[in-house]
PDB file of N, CA and C in Angstrom:
ATOM      1  N   MET A   1       6.197  25.412  12.731  1.00  0.00           N
ATOM      2  CA  MET A   1       6.497  25.283  11.327  1.00  0.00           C
ATOM      3  C   MET A   1       5.222  25.581  10.537  1.00  0.00           C
ATOM      4  N   PRO A   2       5.338  26.401   9.505  1.00  0.00           N
ATOM      5  CA  PRO A   2       4.137  26.773   8.757  1.00  0.00           C
ATOM      6  C   PRO A   2       3.626  25.607   7.909  1.00  0.00           C
ATOM      7  N   ASN A   3       2.325  25.633   7.680  1.00  0.00           N
ATOM      8  CA  ASN A   3       1.712  24.617   6.834  1.00  0.00           C
ATOM      9  C   ASN A   3       2.031  24.893   5.375  1.00  0.00           C
ATOM     10  N   LEU A   4       2.225  23.820   4.601  1.00  0.00           N
ATOM     11  CA  LEU A   4       2.465  23.967   3.174  1.00  0.00           C
ATOM     12  C   LEU A   4       1.151  23.766   2.435  1.00  0.00           C
ATOM     13  N   GLY A   5       0.738  24.787   1.738  1.00  0.00           N
ATOM     14  CA  GLY A   5      -0.495  24.702   0.965  1.00  0.00           C
ATOM     15  C   GLY A   5      -0.174  24.442  -0.501  1.00  0.00           C
ATOM     16  N   ALA A   6      -1.193  24.500  -1.326  1.00  0.00           N
ATOM     17  CA  ALA A   6      -1.028  24.253  -2.760  1.00  0.00           C
ATOM     18  C   ALA A   6      -0.087  25.266  -3.425  1.00  0.00           C
ATOM     19  N   PRO A   7      -0.211  26.556  -3.130  1.00  0.00           N
ATOM     20  CA  PRO A   7       0.694  27.509  -3.792  1.00  0.00           C
ATOM     21  C   PRO A   7       2.171  27.265  -3.453  1.00  0.00           C
ATOM     22  N   GLU A   8       2.433  26.933  -2.209  1.00  0.00           N
ATOM     23  CA  GLU A   8       3.818  26.671  -1.814  1.00  0.00           C
ATOM     24  C   GLU A   8       4.370  25.425  -2.502  1.00  0.00           C
ATOM     25  N   LEU A   9       3.531  24.379  -2.587  1.00  0.00           N
ATOM     26  CA  LEU A   9       3.965  23.150  -3.248  1.00  0.00           C
ATOM     27  C   LEU A   9       4.219  23.368  -4.738  1.00  0.00           C
ATOM     28  N   ILE A  10       3.405  24.202  -5.368  1.00  0.00           N
ATOM     29  CA  ILE A  10       3.609  24.516  -6.785  1.00  0.00           C
ATOM     30  C   ILE A  10       4.924  25.260  -6.984  1.00  0.00           C
ATOM     31  N   ILE A  11       5.215  26.192  -6.101  1.00  0.00           N
ATOM     32  CA  ILE A  11       6.470  26.943  -6.191  1.00  0.00           C
ATOM     33  C   ILE A  11       7.663  26.004  -5.998  1.00  0.00           C
ATOM     34  N   ILE A  12       7.574  25.106  -5.048  1.00  0.00           N
ATOM     35  CA  ILE A  12       8.647  24.142  -4.810  1.00  0.00           C
ATOM     36  C   ILE A  12       8.839  23.252  -6.036  1.00  0.00           C
ATOM     37  N   ALA A  13       7.741  22.793  -6.641  1.00  0.00           N
ATOM     38  CA  ALA A  13       7.824  21.954  -7.840  1.00  0.00           C
ATOM     39  C   ALA A  13       8.466  22.711  -8.997  1.00  0.00           C
ATOM     40  N   LEU A  14       8.133  23.973  -9.155  1.00  0.00           N
ATOM     41  CA  LEU A  14       8.737  24.775 -10.219  1.00  0.00           C
ATOM     42  C   LEU A  14      10.233  24.970  -9.997  1.00  0.00           C
ATOM     43  N   VAL A  15      10.634  25.193  -8.776  1.00  0.00           N
ATOM     44  CA  VAL A  15      12.058  25.361  -8.469  1.00  0.00           C
ATOM     45  C   VAL A  15      12.812  24.066  -8.772  1.00  0.00           C
ATOM     46  N   ILE A  16      12.244  22.933  -8.399  1.00  0.00           N
ATOM     47  CA  ILE A  16      12.872  21.645  -8.685  1.00  0.00           C
ATOM     48  C   ILE A  16      12.966  21.429 -10.188  1.00  0.00           C
ATOM     49  N   LEU A  17      11.917  21.773 -10.913  1.00  0.00           N
ATOM     50  CA  LEU A  17      11.911  21.648 -12.363  1.00  0.00           C
ATOM     51  C   LEU A  17      12.996  22.520 -12.989  1.00  0.00           C
ATOM     52  N   LEU A  18      13.156  23.733 -12.476  1.00  0.00           N
ATOM     53  CA  LEU A  18      14.191  24.621 -13.007  1.00  0.00           C
ATOM     54  C   LEU A  18      15.597  24.116 -12.674  1.00  0.00           C
ATOM     55  N   LEU A  19      15.775  23.548 -11.494  1.00  0.00           N
ATOM     56  CA  LEU A  19      17.094  23.063 -11.091  1.00  0.00           C
ATOM     57  C   LEU A  19      17.521  21.821 -11.874  1.00  0.00           C
ATOM     58  N   PHE A  20      16.639  20.877 -12.031  1.00  0.00           N
ATOM     59  CA  PHE A  20      17.007  19.601 -12.639  1.00  0.00           C
ATOM     60  C   PHE A  20      16.645  19.512 -14.111  1.00  0.00           C
ATOM     61  N   GLY A  21      15.702  20.280 -14.577  1.00  0.00           N
ATOM     62  CA  GLY A  21      15.284  20.216 -15.966  1.00  0.00           C
ATOM     63  C   GLY A  21      14.276  19.113 -16.194  1.00  0.00           C
ATOM     64  N   ALA A  22      13.490  19.282 -17.243  1.00  0.00           N
ATOM     65  CA  ALA A  22      12.403  18.340 -17.521  1.00  0.00           C
ATOM     66  C   ALA A  22      12.941  16.989 -17.993  1.00  0.00           C
ATOM     67  N   THR A  23      14.112  16.958 -18.610  1.00  0.00           N
ATOM     68  CA  THR A  23      14.636  15.693 -19.127  1.00  0.00           C
ATOM     69  C   THR A  23      15.273  14.847 -18.033  1.00  0.00           C
ATOM     70  N   ARG A  24      15.788  15.482 -17.008  1.00  0.00           N
ATOM     71  CA  ARG A  24      16.445  14.726 -15.935  1.00  0.00           C
ATOM     72  C   ARG A  24      15.485  14.184 -14.879  1.00  0.00           C
ATOM     73  N   LEU A  25      14.330  14.785 -14.730  1.00  0.00           N
ATOM     74  CA  LEU A  25      13.399  14.362 -13.679  1.00  0.00           C
ATOM     75  C   LEU A  25      12.954  12.907 -13.818  1.00  0.00           C
ATOM     76  N   PRO A  26      12.576  12.420 -15.003  1.00  0.00           N
ATOM     77  CA  PRO A  26      12.218  10.998 -15.094  1.00  0.00           C
ATOM     78  C   PRO A  26      13.382  10.075 -14.761  1.00  0.00           C
ATOM     79  N   LYS A  27      14.578  10.448 -15.197  1.00  0.00           N
ATOM     80  CA  LYS A  27      15.768   9.641 -14.881  1.00  0.00           C
ATOM     81  C   LYS A  27      16.031   9.645 -13.379  1.00  0.00           C
ATOM     82  N   LEU A  28      15.851  10.791 -12.760  1.00  0.00           N
ATOM     83  CA  LEU A  28      16.047  10.913 -11.319  1.00  0.00           C
ATOM     84  C   LEU A  28      15.035  10.058 -10.560  1.00  0.00           C
ATOM     85  N   GLY A  29      13.784  10.105 -10.989  1.00  0.00           N
ATOM     86  CA  GLY A  29      12.745   9.288 -10.355  1.00  0.00           C
ATOM     87  C   GLY A  29      13.012   7.806 -10.531  1.00  0.00           C
ATOM     88  N   LYS A  30      13.452   7.412 -11.720  1.00  0.00           N
ATOM     89  CA  LYS A  30      13.747   6.002 -11.984  1.00  0.00           C
ATOM     90  C   LYS A  30      14.895   5.513 -11.121  1.00  0.00           C
ATOM     91  N   SER A  31      15.954   6.305 -11.028  1.00  0.00           N
ATOM     92  CA  SER A  31      17.105   5.884 -10.226  1.00  0.00           C
ATOM     93  C   SER A  31      16.764   5.841  -8.741  1.00  0.00           C
ATOM     94  N   MET A  32      15.933   6.754  -8.276  1.00  0.00           N
ATOM     95  CA  MET A  32      15.507   6.715  -6.875  1.00  0.00           C
ATOM     96  C   MET A  32      14.659   5.480  -6.601  1.00  0.00           C
ATOM     97  N   GLY A  33      13.772   5.139  -7.531  1.00  0.00           N
ATOM     98  CA  GLY A  33      12.942   3.948  -7.377  1.00  0.00           C
ATOM     99  C   GLY A  33      13.783   2.682  -7.342  1.00  0.00           C
ATOM    100  N   GLN A  34      14.791   2.601  -8.216  1.00  0.00           N
ATOM    101  CA  GLN A  34      15.676   1.434  -8.230  1.00  0.00           C
ATOM    102  C   GLN A  34      16.483   1.347  -6.934  1.00  0.00           C
ATOM    103  N   SER A  35      16.909   2.479  -6.429  1.00  0.00           N
ATOM    104  CA  SER A  35      17.668   2.496  -5.175  1.00  0.00           C
ATOM    105  C   SER A  35      16.813   2.001  -4.011  1.00  0.00           C
ATOM    106  N   ILE A  36      15.593   2.483  -3.940  1.00  0.00           N
ATOM    107  CA  ILE A  36      14.690   2.064  -2.863  1.00  0.00           C
ATOM    108  C   ILE A  36      14.382   0.581  -2.980  1.00  0.00           C
ATOM    109  N   ARG A  37      14.143   0.111  -4.215  1.00  0.00           N
ATOM    110  CA  ARG A  37      13.848  -1.302  -4.441  1.00  0.00           C
ATOM    111  C   ARG A  37      15.037  -2.174  -4.022  1.00  0.00           C
ATOM    112  N   GLY A  38      16.249  -1.746  -4.388  1.00  0.00           N
ATOM    113  CA  GLY A  38      17.447  -2.485  -4.002  1.00  0.00           C
ATOM    114  C   GLY A  38      17.642  -2.505  -2.499  1.00  0.00           C
ATOM    115  N   PHE A  39      17.359  -1.399  -1.848  1.00  0.00           N
ATOM    116  CA  PHE A  39      17.477  -1.317  -0.392  1.00  0.00           C
ATOM    117  C   PHE A  39      16.510  -2.285   0.286  1.00  0.00           C
ATOM    118  N   LYS A  40      15.267  -2.322  -0.199  1.00  0.00           N
ATOM    119  CA  LYS A  40      14.265  -3.230   0.375  1.00  0.00           C
ATOM    120  C   LYS A  40      14.672  -4.682   0.159  1.00  0.00           C
ATOM    121  N   GLN A  41      15.197  -5.012  -1.024  1.00  0.00           N
ATOM    122  CA  GLN A  41      15.638  -6.379  -1.295  1.00  0.00           C
ATOM    123  C   GLN A  41      16.794  -6.752  -0.378  1.00  0.00           C
ATOM    124  N   GLY A  42      17.694  -5.807  -0.148  1.00  0.00           N
ATOM    125  CA  GLY A  42      18.808  -6.053   0.764  1.00  0.00           C
ATOM    126  C   GLY A  42      18.335  -6.335   2.177  1.00  0.00           C
ATOM    127  N   LEU A  43      17.330  -5.600   2.620  1.00  0.00           N
ATOM    128  CA  LEU A  43      16.787  -5.841   3.953  1.00  0.00           C
ATOM    129  C   LEU A  43      16.150  -7.219   4.042  1.00  0.00           C
ATOM    130  N   ASN A  44      15.417  -7.609   3.001  1.00  0.00           N
ATOM    131  CA  ASN A  44      14.775  -8.920   2.987  1.00  0.00           C
ATOM    132  C   ASN A  44      15.809 -10.038   2.948  1.00  0.00           C
ATOM    133  N   GLU A  45      16.883  -9.864   2.185  1.00  0.00           N
ATOM    134  CA  GLU A  45      17.932 -10.877   2.117  1.00  0.00           C
ATOM    135  C   GLU A  45      18.622 -11.029   3.460  1.00  0.00           C
ATOM    136  N   ASP A  46      18.827  -9.921   4.155  1.00  0.00           N
ATOM    137  CA  ASP A  46      19.450  -9.968   5.477  1.00  0.00           C
ATOM    138  C   ASP A  46      18.601 -10.776   6.445  1.00  0.00           C
ATOM    139  N   SER A  47      17.292 -10.544   6.440  1.00  0.00           N
ATOM    140  CA  SER A  47      16.433 -11.277   7.370  1.00  0.00           C
ATOM    141  C   SER A  47      16.373 -12.750   6.986  1.00  0.00           C
ATOM    142  N   ASP A  48      16.418 -13.071   5.688  1.00  0.00           N
ATOM    143  CA  ASP A  48      16.460 -14.468   5.256  1.00  0.00           C
ATOM    144  C   ASP A  48      17.746 -15.134   5.714  1.00  0.00           C
ATOM    145  N   ASP A  49      18.869 -14.425   5.606  1.00  0.00           N
ATOM    146  CA  ASP A  49      20.158 -14.967   6.042  1.00  0.00           C
ATOM    147  C   ASP A  49      20.155 -15.221   7.542  1.00  0.00           C
ATOM    148  N   ASP A  50      19.549 -14.318   8.308  1.00  0.00           N
ATOM    149  CA  ASP A  50      19.473 -14.494   9.757  1.00  0.00           C
ATOM    150  C   ASP A  50      18.666 -15.744  10.105  1.00  0.00           C
ATOM    151  N   GLU A  51      17.577 -15.973   9.378  1.00  0.00           N
ATOM    152  CA  GLU A  51      16.751 -17.152   9.636  1.00  0.00           C
ATOM    153  C   GLU A  51      17.524 -18.426   9.327  1.00  0.00           C
ATOM    154  N   ILE A  52      18.322 -18.415   8.258  1.00  0.00           N
ATOM    155  CA  ILE A  52      19.108 -19.592   7.887  1.00  0.00           C
ATOM    156  C   ILE A  52      20.135 -19.891   8.969  1.00  0.00           C
ATOM    157  N   VAL A  53      20.790 -18.847   9.488  1.00  0.00           N
ATOM    158  CA  VAL A  53      21.780 -19.033  10.546  1.00  0.00           C
ATOM    159  C   VAL A  53      21.113 -19.613  11.788  1.00  0.00           C
ATOM    160  N   ASP A  54      19.912 -19.111  12.145  1.00  0.00           N
ATOM    161  CA  ASP A  54      19.190 -19.622  13.310  1.00  0.00           C
ATOM    162  C   ASP A  54      18.843 -21.092  13.137  1.00  0.00           C
ATOM    163  N   VAL A  55      18.418 -21.492  11.946  1.00  0.00           N
ATOM    164  CA  VAL A  55      18.059 -22.880  11.688  1.00  0.00           C
ATOM    165  C   VAL A  55      19.294 -23.767  11.818  1.00  0.00           C
ATOM    166  N   LYS A  56      20.434 -23.298  11.300  1.00  0.00           N
ATOM    167  CA  LYS A  56      21.677 -24.072  11.401  1.00  0.00           C
ATOM    168  C   LYS A  56      22.095 -24.226  12.857  1.00  0.00           C
ATOM    169  N   LYS A  57      21.945 -23.154  13.649  1.00  0.00           N
ATOM    170  CA  LYS A  57      22.298 -23.230  15.072  1.00  0.00           C
ATOM    171  C   LYS A  57      21.406 -24.229  15.789  1.00  0.00           C
ATOM    172  N   ASP A  58      20.106 -24.206  15.465  1.00  0.00           N
ATOM    173  CA  ASP A  58      19.172 -25.146  16.084  1.00  0.00           C
ATOM    174  C   ASP A  58      19.518 -26.580  15.711  1.00  0.00           C
ATOM    175  N   ALA A  59      19.850 -26.809  14.455  1.00  0.00           N
ATOM    176  CA  ALA A  59      20.187 -28.151  13.999  1.00  0.00           C
ATOM    177  C   ALA A  59      21.463 -28.638  14.674  1.00  0.00           C
ATOM    178  N   THR A  60      22.447 -27.751  14.844  1.00  0.00           N
ATOM    179  CA  THR A  60      23.694 -28.120  15.503  1.00  0.00           C
ATOM    180  C   THR A  60      23.436 -28.441  16.967  1.00  0.00           C
ATOM    181  N   ALA A  61      22.618 -27.652  17.620  1.00  0.00           N
ATOM    182  CA  ALA A  61      22.306 -27.904  19.030  1.00  0.00           C
ATOM    183  C   ALA A  61      21.573 -29.221  19.183  1.00  0.00           C
ATOM    184  N   GLU A  62      20.650 -29.533  18.298  1.00  0.00           N
ATOM    185  CA  GLU A  62      19.905 -30.790  18.371  1.00  0.00           C
ATOM    186  C   GLU A  62      20.819 -31.986  18.142  1.00  0.00           C
ATOM    187  N   SER A  63      21.761 -31.850  17.195  1.00  0.00           N
ATOM    188  CA  SER A  63      22.657 -32.985  16.945  1.00  0.00           C
ATOM    189  C   SER A  63      23.602 -33.180  18.114  1.00  0.00           C
ATOM    190  N   LYS A  64      23.987 -32.136  18.811  1.00  0.00           N
ATOM    191  CA  LYS A  64      24.834 -32.269  20.000  1.00  0.00           C
ATOM    192  C   LYS A  64      24.046 -32.944  21.124  1.00  0.00           C
ATOM    193  N   ASP A  65      22.764 -32.558  21.272  1.00  0.00           N
ATOM    194  CA  ASP A  65      21.913 -33.188  22.289  1.00  0.00           C
ATOM    195  C   ASP A  65      21.725 -34.673  21.996  1.00  0.00           C
ATOM    196  N   ASP A  66      21.547 -35.018  20.727  1.00  0.00           N
ATOM    197  CA  ASP A  66      21.377 -36.409  20.320  1.00  0.00           C
ATOM    198  C   ASP A  66      22.658 -37.200  20.605  1.00  0.00           C
ATOM    199  N   ALA A  67      23.804 -36.579  20.391  1.00  0.00           N
ATOM    200  CA  ALA A  67      25.076 -37.259  20.619  1.00  0.00           C
ATOM    201  C   ALA A  67      25.284 -37.486  22.124  1.00  0.00           C
ATOM    202  N   LYS A  68      24.877 -36.538  22.960  1.00  0.00           N
ATOM    203  CA  LYS A  68      25.010 -36.692  24.397  1.00  0.00           C
ATOM    204  C   LYS A  68      24.077 -37.782  24.919  1.00  0.00           C
ATOM    205  N   ALA A  69      22.900 -37.876  24.326  1.00  0.00           N
ATOM    206  CA  ALA A  69      21.916 -38.864  24.775  1.00  0.00           C
ATOM    207  C   ALA A  69      22.332 -40.288  24.411  1.00  0.00           C
ATOM    208  N   SER A  70      23.138 -40.438  23.369  1.00  0.00           N
ATOM    209  CA  SER A  70      23.543 -41.777  22.915  1.00  0.00           C
ATOM    210  C   SER A  70      24.592 -42.388  23.785  1.00  0.00           C
TER     211      SER A  70
END
């Protein structure tokens, strides 16, 4: 695969500018940033939920052990 230098990157940027227009690019960047932020928050919430489930399982197992010991 060929290396991308400065001239190639400039050409790619110009093509993107022509396709989307100067007014849409900030909106596109903002929506992409919000999407990425939402995705990261979703991942963090999932891991928090998993930890809560693990704690509940541990607490249930401990209470069963306590009941057997009594």
